[in-house]
């Protein structure tokens, strides 16, 4: 008794041939993707801390403005650090006009506090 020959069908064009994988797309490097992932993770983590400080400032008794404004200024400093970290990860000059984005949480906090 002989075993029947397996029927081989031609591979469909939309499927990848595991024996011959396609070349990676040009212009995309793993290092560049890792830079973006790291900068997004670092920036969002620091910005979470920033908005946590703003929330803490808003929960303090509003009669005494010194600790409230202090926490809001510290939140702005951390936002500036977040921008600086992202620029440093991408090997850009840290001192740039982009650091002014760090002032936004302080302005937001002061607008809410002093309304």
N, C-alpha and C. Protein backbone atom coordinates (compact mmCIF):
# COMPACT_ATOMS: atom_id res chain seq x y z
N UNK A 1 0.83 -1.16 0.00
CA UNK A 1 0.00 0.00 0.00
C UNK A 1 0.89 1.24 0.00
N UNK A 2 0.64 2.12 -0.89
CA UNK A 2 1.44 3.32 -1.02
C UNK A 2 0.69 4.51 -0.42
N UNK A 3 1.47 5.41 0.12
CA UNK A 3 0.84 6.61 0.69
C UNK A 3 0.61 7.62 -0.43
N UNK A 4 -0.50 8.28 -0.40
CA UNK A 4 -0.77 9.24 -1.47
C UNK A 4 0.11 10.49 -1.31
N UNK A 5 0.45 11.05 -2.43
CA UNK A 5 1.26 12.27 -2.43
C UNK A 5 0.42 13.42 -1.87
N UNK A 6 1.03 14.23 -0.99
CA UNK A 6 0.26 15.38 -0.50
C UNK A 6 0.02 16.37 -1.62
N UNK A 7 -1.14 16.93 -1.61
CA UNK A 7 -1.50 17.89 -2.64
C UNK A 7 -0.92 19.25 -2.23
N UNK A 8 -0.11 19.80 -3.09
CA UNK A 8 0.47 21.11 -2.80
C UNK A 8 -0.26 22.16 -3.62
N UNK A 9 -0.80 23.10 -2.90
CA UNK A 9 -1.48 24.20 -3.58
C UNK A 9 -0.53 25.38 -3.65
N UNK A 10 -0.66 26.19 -4.63
CA UNK A 10 0.19 27.38 -4.67
C UNK A 10 -0.18 28.33 -3.51
N UNK A 11 0.84 28.96 -2.96
CA UNK A 11 0.62 29.86 -1.83
C UNK A 11 -0.14 31.10 -2.31
N UNK A 12 -1.10 31.49 -1.49
CA UNK A 12 -1.85 32.70 -1.82
C UNK A 12 -0.95 33.92 -1.67
N UNK A 13 -1.16 34.91 -2.47
CA UNK A 13 -0.27 36.07 -2.49
C UNK A 13 -0.35 36.91 -1.22
N UNK A 14 -1.49 36.94 -0.56
CA UNK A 14 -1.61 37.80 0.61
C UNK A 14 -1.03 37.16 1.87
N UNK A 15 -0.56 35.93 1.80
CA UNK A 15 0.04 35.28 2.95
C UNK A 15 1.56 35.36 2.88
N UNK A 16 2.20 35.44 4.04
CA UNK A 16 3.66 35.50 4.08
C UNK A 16 4.22 34.08 4.01
N UNK A 17 5.23 33.91 3.20
CA UNK A 17 5.92 32.63 3.11
C UNK A 17 6.94 32.58 4.24
N UNK A 18 6.78 31.66 5.23
CA UNK A 18 7.72 31.62 6.34
C UNK A 18 9.15 31.32 5.91
N UNK A 19 9.32 30.64 4.80
CA UNK A 19 10.66 30.31 4.34
C UNK A 19 11.34 31.53 3.71
N UNK A 20 10.56 32.45 3.20
CA UNK A 20 11.10 33.65 2.55
C UNK A 20 10.37 34.90 3.06
N UNK A 21 10.68 35.36 4.26
CA UNK A 21 9.98 36.54 4.77
C UNK A 21 10.35 37.78 3.96
N UNK A 22 9.45 38.74 3.90
CA UNK A 22 9.75 39.95 3.13
C UNK A 22 10.81 40.79 3.85
N UNK A 23 11.53 41.60 3.10
CA UNK A 23 12.54 42.47 3.75
C UNK A 23 11.83 43.53 4.59
N UNK A 24 12.50 44.02 5.64
CA UNK A 24 11.88 45.08 6.46
C UNK A 24 11.70 46.35 5.63
N UNK A 25 10.68 47.13 5.95
CA UNK A 25 10.48 48.36 5.18
C UNK A 25 11.64 49.32 5.37
N UNK A 26 11.96 50.03 4.31
CA UNK A 26 13.09 50.94 4.38
C UNK A 26 12.69 52.21 5.14
N UNK A 27 13.65 52.82 5.80
CA UNK A 27 13.41 54.06 6.50
C UNK A 27 12.94 53.88 7.94
N UNK A 28 12.60 52.69 8.36
CA UNK A 28 12.13 52.46 9.72
C UNK A 28 13.23 51.71 10.46
N UNK A 29 13.70 52.29 11.56
CA UNK A 29 14.71 51.60 12.33
C UNK A 29 14.16 51.32 13.73
N UNK A 30 14.62 50.26 14.31
CA UNK A 30 14.17 49.88 15.64
C UNK A 30 14.58 50.92 16.67
N UNK A 31 15.75 51.50 16.52
CA UNK A 31 16.21 52.52 17.46
C UNK A 31 15.30 53.74 17.48
N UNK A 32 14.83 54.14 16.33
CA UNK A 32 13.93 55.30 16.25
C UNK A 32 12.60 55.02 16.95
N UNK A 33 12.07 53.83 16.73
CA UNK A 33 10.82 53.45 17.38
C UNK A 33 11.02 53.39 18.90
N UNK A 34 12.15 52.84 19.34
CA UNK A 34 12.43 52.78 20.77
C UNK A 34 12.54 54.17 21.38
N UNK A 35 13.12 55.11 20.65
CA UNK A 35 13.21 56.49 21.14
C UNK A 35 11.82 57.07 21.36
N UNK A 36 10.94 56.88 20.40
CA UNK A 36 9.60 57.43 20.53
C UNK A 36 8.83 56.77 21.67
N UNK A 37 8.94 55.47 21.79
CA UNK A 37 8.23 54.78 22.87
C UNK A 37 8.75 55.25 24.22
N UNK A 38 10.06 55.34 24.38
CA UNK A 38 10.64 55.78 25.64
C UNK A 38 10.25 57.22 25.96
N UNK A 39 10.28 58.10 24.98
CA UNK A 39 9.94 59.49 25.26
C UNK A 39 8.47 59.65 25.61
N UNK A 40 7.60 58.90 24.95
CA UNK A 40 6.17 58.98 25.29
C UNK A 40 5.92 58.43 26.69
N UNK A 41 6.56 57.32 27.03
CA UNK A 41 6.38 56.75 28.37
C UNK A 41 6.91 57.68 29.45
N UNK A 42 8.09 58.23 29.25
CA UNK A 42 8.69 59.12 30.25
C UNK A 42 7.86 60.39 30.40
N UNK A 43 7.44 60.97 29.29
CA UNK A 43 6.68 62.21 29.35
C UNK A 43 5.32 62.01 30.01
N UNK A 44 4.61 60.96 29.64
CA UNK A 44 3.30 60.74 30.25
C UNK A 44 3.42 60.41 31.73
N UNK A 45 4.46 59.70 32.12
CA UNK A 45 4.65 59.40 33.54
C UNK A 45 4.88 60.68 34.34
N UNK A 46 5.75 61.55 33.82
CA UNK A 46 6.03 62.80 34.54
C UNK A 46 4.80 63.71 34.52
N UNK A 47 4.05 63.72 33.42
CA UNK A 47 2.85 64.55 33.37
C UNK A 47 1.76 64.03 34.31
N UNK A 48 1.72 62.73 34.55
CA UNK A 48 0.81 62.20 35.58
C UNK A 48 1.16 62.79 36.94
N UNK A 49 2.43 62.84 37.24
CA UNK A 49 2.88 63.45 38.49
C UNK A 49 2.48 64.93 38.53
N UNK A 50 2.63 65.61 37.41
CA UNK A 50 2.28 67.03 37.33
C UNK A 50 0.80 67.25 37.66
N UNK A 51 -0.07 66.49 37.00
CA UNK A 51 -1.49 66.70 37.23
C UNK A 51 -1.92 66.16 38.60
N UNK A 52 -1.19 65.21 39.13
CA UNK A 52 -1.43 64.79 40.52
C UNK A 52 -1.12 65.92 41.49
N UNK A 53 -0.06 66.65 41.23
CA UNK A 53 0.27 67.81 42.08
C UNK A 53 -0.79 68.89 41.96
N UNK A 54 -1.31 69.10 40.76
CA UNK A 54 -2.39 70.08 40.60
C UNK A 54 -3.64 69.66 41.36
N UNK A 55 -3.98 68.38 41.28
CA UNK A 55 -5.15 67.89 42.02
C UNK A 55 -4.93 68.03 43.52
N UNK A 56 -3.71 67.76 43.97
CA UNK A 56 -3.41 67.92 45.39
C UNK A 56 -3.53 69.39 45.79
N UNK A 57 -3.10 70.29 44.92
CA UNK A 57 -3.21 71.72 45.23
C UNK A 57 -4.67 72.14 45.32
N UNK A 58 -5.52 71.58 44.48
CA UNK A 58 -6.92 71.98 44.49
C UNK A 58 -7.70 71.38 45.65
N UNK A 59 -7.16 70.32 46.27
CA UNK A 59 -7.86 69.73 47.42
C UNK A 59 -7.45 70.37 48.74
N UNK A 60 -6.38 71.15 48.75
CA UNK A 60 -5.96 71.86 49.96
C UNK A 60 -6.96 72.98 50.23
N UNK A 61 -7.12 73.31 51.48
CA UNK A 61 -8.00 74.41 51.87
C UNK A 61 -7.58 75.69 51.14
N UNK A 62 -8.51 76.28 50.43
CA UNK A 62 -8.20 77.43 49.59
C UNK A 62 -7.99 78.73 50.38
N UNK A 63 -8.19 78.71 51.70
CA UNK A 63 -7.98 79.93 52.48
C UNK A 63 -6.50 80.32 52.53
N UNK A 64 -5.63 79.33 52.56
CA UNK A 64 -4.19 79.60 52.60
C UNK A 64 -3.63 79.36 51.20
N UNK A 65 -3.31 80.42 50.46
CA UNK A 65 -2.91 80.30 49.07
C UNK A 65 -1.45 79.92 48.88
N UNK A 66 -0.61 80.08 49.89
CA UNK A 66 0.82 79.82 49.72
C UNK A 66 1.09 78.36 49.34
N UNK A 67 0.57 77.36 50.08
CA UNK A 67 0.86 75.98 49.65
C UNK A 67 0.19 75.61 48.32
N UNK A 68 -0.96 76.20 48.03
CA UNK A 68 -1.65 75.90 46.77
C UNK A 68 -0.82 76.40 45.60
N UNK A 69 -0.40 77.65 45.67
CA UNK A 69 0.41 78.23 44.59
C UNK A 69 1.77 77.53 44.52
N UNK A 70 2.31 77.15 45.66
CA UNK A 70 3.58 76.42 45.68
C UNK A 70 3.48 75.10 44.94
N UNK A 71 2.41 74.34 45.19
CA UNK A 71 2.24 73.07 44.48
C UNK A 71 2.01 73.29 42.98
N UNK A 72 1.33 74.35 42.64
CA UNK A 72 1.10 74.63 41.22
C UNK A 72 2.40 75.02 40.51
N UNK A 73 3.26 75.75 41.20
CA UNK A 73 4.55 76.10 40.61
C UNK A 73 5.42 74.85 40.48
N UNK A 74 5.39 73.98 41.49
CA UNK A 74 6.16 72.72 41.42
C UNK A 74 5.63 71.87 40.26
N UNK A 75 4.32 71.86 40.05
CA UNK A 75 3.75 71.12 38.92
C UNK A 75 4.28 71.67 37.60
N UNK A 76 4.41 72.99 37.50
CA UNK A 76 4.98 73.58 36.28
C UNK A 76 6.42 73.20 36.07
N UNK A 77 7.18 73.13 37.16
CA UNK A 77 8.58 72.72 37.06
C UNK A 77 8.67 71.28 36.55
N UNK A 78 7.81 70.40 37.08
CA UNK A 78 7.83 69.01 36.62
C UNK A 78 7.40 68.91 35.15
N UNK A 79 6.48 69.76 34.72
CA UNK A 79 6.09 69.75 33.31
C UNK A 79 7.26 70.18 32.43
N UNK A 80 8.02 71.17 32.90
CA UNK A 80 9.21 71.57 32.15
C UNK A 80 10.24 70.44 32.10
N UNK A 81 10.35 69.70 33.18
CA UNK A 81 11.26 68.54 33.20
C UNK A 81 10.79 67.50 32.20
N UNK A 82 9.47 67.29 32.09
CA UNK A 82 8.94 66.31 31.14
C UNK A 82 9.32 66.70 29.71
N UNK A 83 9.18 67.98 29.38
CA UNK A 83 9.55 68.43 28.03
C UNK A 83 11.05 68.26 27.81
N UNK A 84 11.84 68.59 28.82
CA UNK A 84 13.30 68.48 28.69
C UNK A 84 13.73 67.02 28.52
N UNK A 85 13.09 66.12 29.25
CA UNK A 85 13.42 64.69 29.12
C UNK A 85 13.10 64.19 27.72
N UNK A 86 11.94 64.57 27.21
CA UNK A 86 11.57 64.13 25.85
C UNK A 86 12.57 64.65 24.82
N UNK A 87 12.98 65.90 24.96
CA UNK A 87 13.96 66.45 24.01
C UNK A 87 15.32 65.78 24.17
N UNK A 88 15.70 65.46 25.40
CA UNK A 88 16.99 64.80 25.62
C UNK A 88 16.99 63.39 25.03
N UNK A 89 15.88 62.69 25.14
CA UNK A 89 15.81 61.33 24.59
C UNK A 89 15.98 61.37 23.07
N UNK A 90 15.44 62.40 22.45
CA UNK A 90 15.57 62.53 20.99
C UNK A 90 16.84 63.25 20.57
N UNK A 91 17.73 63.48 21.54
CA UNK A 91 19.03 64.13 21.29
C UNK A 91 18.87 65.50 20.64
N UNK A 92 17.94 66.26 21.14
CA UNK A 92 17.72 67.64 20.72
C UNK A 92 18.21 68.56 21.83
N UNK A 93 18.49 69.80 21.53
CA UNK A 93 18.89 70.73 22.60
C UNK A 93 17.78 70.88 23.63
N UNK A 94 18.14 70.72 24.88
CA UNK A 94 17.14 70.76 25.95
C UNK A 94 16.60 72.18 26.13
N UNK A 95 17.50 73.16 26.09
CA UNK A 95 17.06 74.55 26.24
C UNK A 95 16.49 75.03 24.90
N UNK A 96 15.18 75.18 24.88
CA UNK A 96 14.50 75.61 23.66
C UNK A 96 13.18 76.27 24.06
N UNK A 97 12.53 76.90 23.12
CA UNK A 97 11.22 77.50 23.41
C UNK A 97 10.16 76.47 23.82
N UNK A 98 10.40 75.20 23.52
CA UNK A 98 9.44 74.16 23.90
C UNK A 98 9.30 74.06 25.42
N UNK A 99 10.30 74.50 26.15
CA UNK A 99 10.21 74.45 27.61
C UNK A 99 9.10 75.34 28.15
N UNK A 100 8.68 76.31 27.36
CA UNK A 100 7.57 77.17 27.80
C UNK A 100 6.26 76.40 27.93
N UNK A 101 6.18 75.22 27.32
CA UNK A 101 4.99 74.37 27.51
C UNK A 101 4.84 73.97 28.97
N UNK A 102 5.94 73.93 29.69
CA UNK A 102 5.89 73.57 31.10
C UNK A 102 5.18 74.59 31.96
N UNK A 103 5.02 75.79 31.45
CA UNK A 103 4.34 76.84 32.21
C UNK A 103 2.82 76.64 32.17
N UNK A 104 2.32 75.90 31.20
CA UNK A 104 0.88 75.73 31.05
C UNK A 104 0.20 75.12 32.28
N UNK A 105 0.73 74.07 32.91
CA UNK A 105 0.05 73.56 34.11
C UNK A 105 0.00 74.58 35.24
N UNK A 106 1.04 75.39 35.38
CA UNK A 106 1.02 76.42 36.41
C UNK A 106 -0.04 77.46 36.09
N UNK A 107 -0.14 77.88 34.85
CA UNK A 107 -1.17 78.85 34.45
C UNK A 107 -2.56 78.27 34.64
N UNK A 108 -2.73 77.01 34.29
CA UNK A 108 -4.02 76.34 34.49
C UNK A 108 -4.38 76.31 35.97
N UNK A 109 -3.41 75.93 36.79
CA UNK A 109 -3.66 75.86 38.22
C UNK A 109 -3.99 77.21 38.82
N UNK A 110 -3.25 78.23 38.41
CA UNK A 110 -3.52 79.57 38.92
C UNK A 110 -4.88 80.09 38.45
N UNK A 111 -5.26 79.75 37.23
CA UNK A 111 -6.58 80.18 36.72
C UNK A 111 -7.71 79.55 37.53
N UNK A 112 -7.53 78.26 37.88
CA UNK A 112 -8.56 77.58 38.68
C UNK A 112 -8.57 78.11 40.11
N UNK A 113 -7.41 78.34 40.67
CA UNK A 113 -7.31 78.77 42.06
C UNK A 113 -7.78 80.21 42.26
N UNK A 114 -7.39 81.09 41.37
CA UNK A 114 -7.64 82.51 41.56
C UNK A 114 -8.90 83.01 40.86
N UNK A 115 -9.73 82.14 40.43
CA UNK A 115 -10.96 82.58 39.71
C UNK A 115 -11.94 83.21 40.64
